[in-house]
Structure formats: structure tokens, C-alpha cells
Amino acid sequence: MRRWRRQDWIPPATVDVEDDTVAVSLVSQGLGMAIMPRTALLGAPAGLAVTDLGPHPPSRFAGYVTTPEPAGTAAVRALIRELRELPLPDGLTAA
């Protein structure tokens, strides 16, 4: 949110919604603009103009947690193995 507040080109918000699909719906009906995660735009209605936020857009990271029971299953072990092989973003280290 601090990044958004520093952007003087973003008009002040007049509607605050909790659900990405509501925001996409409002924009697709011509009721404004929204800054959203790229994943929220998958399957968005045709006709929306989507513009990226430049070479250094904000990002977010996801982690994983599990309890001991599913951690022992082949599927969860395979997923964890795949996730551990992905490169970490600059400045992050594995826990």
C-alpha cells in the first residue's frame, strides 16, 4: 500500500472492494480503473485494457506450510521438492 500511495498518477479511490472479481466487473462496465494482481485478470472479460506497471512492478511471494501427516505423502513431498528447486528472489534466503 505504501507503494501505491507514492504514485501520484493514481487517482484517489472512490470504491474499495474486497473481491477481485467485483473490481474486474466494475471496470469492465466502465466504472473506473483498478490496479490488480495479474492472476486476477485470468479469464477477464474481453475489451479490458491491461497495462503492466513497468520493469519493477510490485510483487508478492507465497510460501508453504503443512502438518506432519500430509508432509509424508508422495504428492506433498514432490510439491515441496519442486518448490525448493525454484530460485529465490534477490535478497531472500530459505528458512
Protein backbone atom coordinates (compact mmCIF):
# COMPACT_ATOMS: atom_id res chain seq x y z
CA MET A 1 0.00 0.00 0.00
CA ARG A 2 2.91 2.37 0.66
CA ARG A 3 4.00 1.95 -2.97
CA TRP A 4 0.53 2.89 -4.21
CA ARG A 5 0.40 5.99 -2.00
CA ARG A 6 3.65 7.25 -3.58
CA GLN A 7 2.24 7.05 -7.13
CA ASP A 8 0.92 10.50 -7.99
CA TRP A 9 -0.65 9.30 -11.27
CA ILE A 10 -3.17 7.05 -9.49
CA PRO A 11 -6.49 8.81 -8.96
CA PRO A 12 -7.96 8.70 -5.47
CA ALA A 13 -10.07 5.60 -4.88
CA THR A 14 -13.79 6.11 -4.59
CA VAL A 15 -14.78 2.45 -4.24
CA ASP A 16 -12.96 -0.05 -2.06
CA VAL A 17 -13.85 -3.69 -2.75
CA GLU A 18 -12.53 -6.85 -1.14
CA ASP A 19 -13.04 -9.17 -4.10
CA ASP A 20 -11.01 -9.01 -7.32
CA THR A 21 -13.94 -10.25 -9.41
CA VAL A 22 -16.05 -7.31 -8.24
CA ALA A 23 -13.29 -4.87 -9.24
CA VAL A 24 -12.93 -6.51 -12.68
CA SER A 25 -16.69 -6.37 -13.14
CA LEU A 26 -16.84 -2.67 -12.25
CA VAL A 27 -14.00 -1.82 -14.64
CA SER A 28 -15.49 -3.91 -17.45
CA GLN A 29 -18.71 -1.90 -17.06
CA GLY A 30 -16.77 1.33 -17.49
CA LEU A 31 -16.92 2.34 -13.85
CA GLY A 32 -13.26 3.20 -13.33
CA MET A 33 -9.86 1.61 -13.24
CA ALA A 34 -8.12 -0.82 -10.92
CA ILE A 35 -4.60 -1.94 -10.08
CA MET A 36 -4.73 -5.68 -9.62
CA PRO A 37 -2.59 -8.80 -9.48
CA ARG A 38 -2.05 -10.34 -12.92
CA THR A 39 -3.69 -13.57 -11.74
CA ALA A 40 -6.94 -11.68 -11.08
CA LEU A 41 -7.13 -10.93 -14.79
CA LEU A 42 -7.14 -14.54 -15.94
CA GLY A 43 -10.44 -15.06 -17.70
CA ALA A 44 -11.28 -11.35 -17.56
CA PRO A 45 -13.95 -10.11 -19.98
CA ALA A 46 -12.81 -9.11 -23.46
CA GLY A 47 -12.37 -5.41 -24.02
CA LEU A 48 -10.43 -4.53 -20.89
CA ALA A 49 -7.24 -2.57 -21.49
CA VAL A 50 -4.48 -4.17 -19.43
CA THR A 51 -1.18 -2.37 -18.96
CA ASP A 52 1.74 -3.64 -16.92
CA LEU A 53 3.33 -1.48 -14.24
CA GLY A 54 6.77 -1.28 -15.81
CA PRO A 55 10.07 -3.07 -15.31
CA HIS A 56 9.91 -3.24 -11.50
CA PRO A 57 6.28 -3.87 -10.57
CA PRO A 58 5.34 -4.73 -7.01
CA SER A 59 5.37 -8.42 -6.26
CA ARG A 60 4.33 -10.81 -3.55
CA PHE A 61 5.67 -14.14 -2.51
CA ALA A 62 3.97 -17.27 -1.34
CA GLY A 63 5.30 -19.95 0.95
CA TYR A 64 4.04 -23.31 2.03
CA VAL A 65 3.18 -24.91 5.33
CA THR A 66 1.94 -28.37 6.12
CA THR A 67 1.24 -30.57 9.09
CA PRO A 68 3.24 -33.77 9.66
CA GLU A 69 0.55 -36.11 8.29
CA PRO A 70 0.29 -34.82 4.70
CA ALA A 71 4.00 -33.89 4.68
CA GLY A 72 4.79 -37.58 4.44
CA THR A 73 2.69 -38.20 1.34
CA ALA A 74 4.34 -38.58 -2.05
CA ALA A 75 2.32 -35.74 -3.57
CA VAL A 76 3.26 -33.20 -0.90
CA ARG A 77 6.90 -34.30 -0.90
CA ALA A 78 7.01 -33.88 -4.69
CA LEU A 79 5.47 -30.42 -4.48
CA ILE A 80 7.92 -29.32 -1.77
CA ARG A 81 10.82 -30.70 -3.81
CA GLU A 82 9.68 -28.69 -6.86
CA LEU A 83 9.22 -25.52 -4.82
CA ARG A 84 12.66 -25.85 -3.25
CA GLU A 85 14.25 -26.08 -6.70
CA LEU A 86 12.83 -22.71 -7.77
CA PRO A 87 15.24 -19.80 -7.46
CA LEU A 88 14.52 -17.39 -4.64
CA PRO A 89 14.15 -13.69 -5.44
CA ASP A 90 17.14 -11.47 -4.73
CA GLY A 91 17.52 -10.74 -1.03
CA LEU A 92 15.56 -13.78 0.19
CA THR A 93 17.01 -16.89 1.79
CA ALA A 94 15.43 -20.23 2.55
CA ALA A 95 14.12 -20.70 6.08
